[in-house]
Amino acid sequence: MRESEAGEFWLGNSDGPMGDVGAFMASELRADRADLAGHLRQLDGARNLIAIAGAPGAGKSRLAAEIAAALNARTPGSAAVVAMDGFHLPNEVLAARGLLPRKGAPETFDVAALAATLAALKTGDAVAVPGFDREADAVVPAAGTVPASVRFVIVEGNYLLLTRPDWRALYPLFDLTIRLSVPEAELRRRLLLRWQALPEAEARRRVEENDLPNGRILRQENRAADLVVAG
């Protein structure tokens, strides 16, 4: 185990399918978030998929929106954001499997549907994508469409770099990968704010028994990103 510059701990797993995860993290390049749009503009594909991965509370949605806004400010309509949250399994399916209390864990997503959508996006065609209604806690099918004219598709989600079976098939679809680095103490603070409308005990239960454990999965089972950014 080694400590990263951000105060995070990365656990190597020499027996895992991707080798020593700690060693992978050493290969990441630190980047300033203000420079990320410039990095993306250097990609030369007609359609580029960019992954933004990080723990719950790391700020993935905000960063994705910032990058898309910067790209669209220079070239209107060139960037779109797709959220992994749109690929949650339905609550009734999770309840039947006993997984509803762990909603947000890797096994609570339809990774096959996510992979199929990313593969379709990679072709450059217009693709309908789902969204997620946080208030209703439910997926919204075909919430939007990524037009064929979009050059940069920014995909944000917890597990885009996960090395588990099925999830690892996502990695080759991305042209650039970005990891958000946030110390756990800061994640805890942000997550408690996220759930502040709940009774305090329930908010702490969600953070300590679900959100933070999901973030720890990434510490042990992620592959390296191309770039790492402070969140």
Protein backbone atom coordinates (compact mmCIF):
# COMPACT_ATOMS: atom_id res chain seq x y z
CA MET A 1 0.00 0.00 0.00
CA ARG A 2 1.23 3.51 -0.78
CA GLU A 3 -0.14 6.98 -0.13
CA SER A 4 -0.87 9.23 -3.09
CA GLU A 5 -0.06 12.94 -3.23
CA ALA A 6 -3.71 13.68 -2.40
CA GLY A 7 -3.62 11.70 0.84
CA GLU A 8 -5.44 8.73 -0.65
CA PHE A 9 -4.30 5.15 -0.17
CA TRP A 10 -4.00 2.81 -3.15
CA LEU A 11 -3.88 -0.92 -2.52
CA GLY A 12 -1.86 -3.02 -4.93
CA ASN A 13 -3.32 -6.38 -5.96
CA SER A 14 -0.63 -8.35 -7.75
CA ASP A 15 -2.98 -11.28 -8.28
CA GLY A 16 -5.68 -9.20 -9.97
CA PRO A 17 -6.40 -9.19 -13.70
CA MET A 18 -4.76 -5.81 -14.17
CA GLY A 19 -1.69 -6.45 -12.01
CA ASP A 20 -0.55 -4.03 -9.29
CA VAL A 21 -3.13 -1.26 -9.07
CA GLY A 22 -0.78 0.92 -7.05
CA ALA A 23 1.78 0.76 -9.85
CA PHE A 24 -0.86 1.81 -12.36
CA MET A 25 -1.63 4.94 -10.37
CA ALA A 26 2.00 6.04 -10.63
CA SER A 27 1.56 6.28 -14.41
CA GLU A 28 -1.16 8.94 -14.21
CA LEU A 29 -0.32 12.50 -15.22
CA ARG A 30 -1.47 15.34 -12.97
CA ALA A 31 -3.45 18.02 -14.79
CA ASP A 32 -5.05 21.35 -13.94
CA ARG A 33 -8.81 21.23 -14.45
CA ALA A 34 -8.62 24.56 -16.29
CA ASP A 35 -6.46 22.87 -18.95
CA LEU A 36 -8.70 19.86 -19.57
CA ALA A 37 -10.67 21.34 -22.48
CA GLY A 38 -7.35 22.00 -24.19
CA HIS A 39 -6.32 18.38 -23.71
CA LEU A 40 -9.57 17.23 -25.30
CA ARG A 41 -9.15 19.53 -28.30
CA GLN A 42 -5.93 17.68 -29.11
CA LEU A 43 -7.91 14.49 -29.78
CA ASP A 44 -8.26 14.09 -33.53
CA GLY A 45 -11.23 11.74 -33.87
CA ALA A 46 -14.55 12.76 -35.39
CA ARG A 47 -16.17 11.32 -32.23
CA ASN A 48 -14.19 11.06 -29.00
CA LEU A 49 -15.37 9.45 -25.77
CA ILE A 50 -13.88 10.85 -22.57
CA ALA A 51 -14.33 9.15 -19.19
CA ILE A 52 -14.47 11.10 -15.93
CA ALA A 53 -14.29 8.65 -13.03
CA GLY A 54 -14.25 9.15 -9.29
CA ALA A 55 -15.84 8.28 -5.99
CA PRO A 56 -19.31 9.44 -4.93
CA GLY A 57 -19.01 13.11 -4.02
CA ALA A 58 -15.84 13.68 -6.06
CA GLY A 59 -17.49 16.25 -8.33
CA LYS A 60 -17.76 14.29 -11.58
CA SER A 61 -20.96 15.95 -12.81
CA ARG A 62 -19.62 19.41 -12.13
CA LEU A 63 -16.32 18.75 -13.90
CA ALA A 64 -18.08 17.19 -16.89
CA ALA A 65 -20.34 20.24 -17.18
CA GLU A 66 -17.36 22.60 -16.90
CA ILE A 67 -15.46 20.86 -19.69
CA ALA A 68 -18.51 20.65 -21.95
CA ALA A 69 -19.23 24.35 -21.41
CA ALA A 70 -15.65 25.30 -22.28
CA LEU A 71 -15.70 23.20 -25.45
CA ASN A 72 -19.11 24.48 -26.52
CA ALA A 73 -18.12 28.09 -25.86
CA ARG A 74 -15.50 27.81 -28.59
CA THR A 75 -17.37 25.41 -30.89
CA PRO A 76 -21.11 25.36 -30.15
CA GLY A 77 -22.64 21.90 -30.14
CA SER A 78 -19.31 20.09 -30.08
CA ALA A 79 -19.65 18.47 -26.63
CA ALA A 80 -22.29 16.52 -24.72
CA VAL A 81 -22.39 14.83 -21.31
CA VAL A 82 -23.65 11.30 -20.61
CA ALA A 83 -24.09 10.22 -16.97
CA MET A 84 -23.55 6.63 -15.85
CA ASP A 85 -26.41 7.13 -13.37
CA GLY A 86 -28.82 6.66 -16.26
CA PHE A 87 -27.85 2.99 -16.27
CA HIS A 88 -29.01 2.10 -12.74
CA LEU A 89 -31.09 -1.04 -12.62
CA PRO A 90 -34.76 -0.33 -11.74
CA ASN A 91 -35.56 -0.16 -8.03
CA GLU A 92 -37.93 -3.12 -8.29
CA VAL A 93 -35.12 -5.25 -9.74
CA LEU A 94 -32.75 -4.14 -6.98
CA ALA A 95 -35.36 -4.87 -4.32
CA ALA A 96 -35.96 -8.36 -5.71
CA ARG A 97 -32.22 -9.02 -5.57
CA GLY A 98 -31.81 -7.57 -2.08
CA LEU A 99 -29.60 -4.79 -3.46
CA LEU A 100 -31.71 -1.69 -2.89
CA PRO A 101 -29.76 -0.63 0.26
CA ARG A 102 -26.58 -0.83 -1.83
CA LYS A 103 -27.88 1.22 -4.76
CA GLY A 104 -24.87 2.81 -6.39
CA ALA A 105 -22.60 -0.23 -5.98
CA PRO A 106 -21.20 -1.79 -9.19
CA GLU A 107 -23.69 -4.67 -9.17
CA THR A 108 -26.64 -2.23 -9.17
CA PHE A 109 -25.92 -0.96 -12.69
CA ASP A 110 -26.81 -2.41 -16.09
CA VAL A 111 -23.24 -2.46 -17.34
CA ALA A 112 -24.20 -4.34 -20.53
CA ALA A 113 -26.58 -1.53 -21.52
CA LEU A 114 -23.92 1.05 -20.69
CA ALA A 115 -21.36 -0.76 -22.85
CA ALA A 116 -23.82 -1.04 -25.73
CA THR A 117 -24.63 2.67 -25.54
CA LEU A 118 -20.95 3.64 -25.47
CA ALA A 119 -20.26 1.39 -28.45
CA ALA A 120 -23.12 3.05 -30.34
CA LEU A 121 -21.79 6.50 -29.44
CA LYS A 122 -18.36 5.48 -30.68
CA THR A 123 -19.75 5.00 -34.20
CA GLY A 124 -20.48 8.72 -34.46
CA ASP A 125 -24.20 8.25 -35.01
CA ALA A 126 -26.95 10.10 -33.14
CA VAL A 127 -27.77 8.05 -30.03
CA ALA A 128 -30.59 8.30 -27.49
CA VAL A 129 -29.29 8.16 -23.92
CA PRO A 130 -31.05 7.71 -20.56
CA GLY A 131 -30.93 10.13 -17.66
CA PHE A 132 -31.54 9.90 -13.92
CA ASP A 133 -34.11 11.78 -11.86
CA ARG A 134 -32.58 12.18 -8.38
CA GLU A 135 -35.82 13.35 -6.79
CA ALA A 136 -37.71 10.32 -8.10
CA ASP A 137 -34.63 8.10 -7.64
CA ALA A 138 -35.36 6.59 -11.04
CA VAL A 139 -33.90 6.23 -14.52
CA VAL A 140 -35.49 8.31 -17.29
CA PRO A 141 -35.30 6.26 -20.53
CA ALA A 142 -34.27 8.18 -23.66
CA ALA A 143 -33.93 11.40 -21.65
CA GLY A 144 -31.88 12.99 -24.43
CA THR A 145 -30.06 12.42 -27.69
CA VAL A 146 -26.40 12.92 -28.52
CA PRO A 147 -26.47 14.33 -32.08
CA ALA A 148 -24.15 12.99 -34.77
CA SER A 149 -22.50 16.43 -34.88
CA VAL A 150 -21.10 16.07 -31.35
CA ARG A 151 -17.35 15.52 -31.41
CA PHE A 152 -16.74 15.08 -27.67
CA VAL A 153 -18.92 12.81 -25.52
CA ILE A 154 -17.99 13.25 -21.86
CA VAL A 155 -19.09 10.23 -19.83
CA GLU A 156 -19.09 10.62 -16.05
CA GLY A 157 -19.52 7.89 -13.47
CA ASN A 158 -17.99 6.04 -10.54
CA TYR A 159 -16.91 2.82 -12.18
CA LEU A 160 -15.73 3.68 -15.69
CA LEU A 161 -12.19 2.50 -14.84
CA LEU A 162 -13.19 -0.55 -12.79
CA THR A 163 -11.25 -3.73 -13.56
CA ARG A 164 -14.03 -6.19 -12.68
CA PRO A 165 -15.39 -8.50 -15.40
CA ASP A 166 -17.88 -6.70 -17.67
CA TRP A 167 -16.75 -3.29 -16.43
CA ARG A 168 -13.26 -3.70 -17.86
CA ALA A 169 -14.79 -3.91 -21.35
CA LEU A 170 -15.61 -0.19 -21.14
CA TYR A 171 -12.00 0.98 -21.04
CA PRO A 172 -11.10 0.39 -24.72
CA LEU A 173 -14.05 2.54 -25.78
CA PHE A 174 -12.56 5.70 -24.26
CA ASP A 175 -10.14 8.00 -26.08
CA LEU A 176 -9.11 9.79 -22.88
CA THR A 177 -9.68 8.95 -19.22
CA ILE A 178 -9.66 11.35 -16.26
CA ARG A 179 -9.74 10.48 -12.56
CA LEU A 180 -10.88 12.91 -9.88
CA SER A 181 -8.76 12.72 -6.73
CA VAL A 182 -10.43 13.72 -3.45
CA PRO A 183 -9.37 12.69 0.10
CA GLU A 184 -11.95 10.61 1.94
CA ALA A 185 -12.44 13.19 4.69
CA GLU A 186 -13.55 15.71 2.07
CA LEU A 187 -15.78 13.14 0.38
CA ARG A 188 -17.47 12.47 3.73
CA ARG A 189 -18.10 16.19 4.26
CA ARG A 190 -19.62 16.63 0.80
CA LEU A 191 -21.75 13.51 1.03
CA LEU A 192 -23.21 14.52 4.38
CA LEU A 193 -24.21 17.81 2.76
CA ARG A 194 -25.76 15.90 -0.14
CA TRP A 195 -28.01 13.98 2.25
CA GLN A 196 -28.69 16.84 4.70
CA ALA A 197 -32.44 16.76 3.98
CA LEU A 198 -32.58 13.30 5.59
CA PRO A 199 -32.59 12.64 9.34
CA GLU A 200 -28.99 12.81 10.57
CA ALA A 201 -28.78 9.10 11.42
CA GLU A 202 -30.06 8.08 7.98
CA ALA A 203 -27.68 10.50 6.25
CA ARG A 204 -24.71 9.07 8.15
CA ARG A 205 -25.83 5.52 7.40
CA ARG A 206 -25.95 6.23 3.68
CA VAL A 207 -22.53 7.85 3.72
CA GLU A 208 -20.74 5.33 5.95
CA GLU A 209 -22.45 2.13 4.77
CA ASN A 210 -22.89 2.81 1.06
CA ASP A 211 -21.27 5.89 -0.48
CA LEU A 212 -17.83 5.68 1.12
CA PRO A 213 -17.57 1.87 0.74
CA ASN A 214 -18.35 2.34 -2.96
CA GLY A 215 -15.52 4.83 -3.18
CA ARG A 216 -13.14 2.37 -1.52
CA ILE A 217 -13.90 -0.16 -4.26
CA LEU A 218 -12.28 2.27 -6.69
CA ARG A 219 -9.15 2.52 -4.57
CA GLN A 220 -8.60 -1.21 -4.83
CA GLU A 221 -9.99 -2.10 -8.25
CA ASN A 222 -9.50 0.83 -10.63
CA ARG A 223 -7.02 0.88 -13.45
CA ALA A 224 -5.04 4.07 -14.02
CA ALA A 225 -6.47 7.04 -15.86
CA ASP A 226 -4.56 9.09 -18.41
CA LEU A 227 -4.96 12.22 -16.28
CA VAL A 228 -5.67 12.81 -12.60
CA VAL A 229 -7.25 16.05 -11.41
CA ALA A 230 -7.82 17.41 -7.92
CA GLY A 231 -11.53 17.44 -7.19
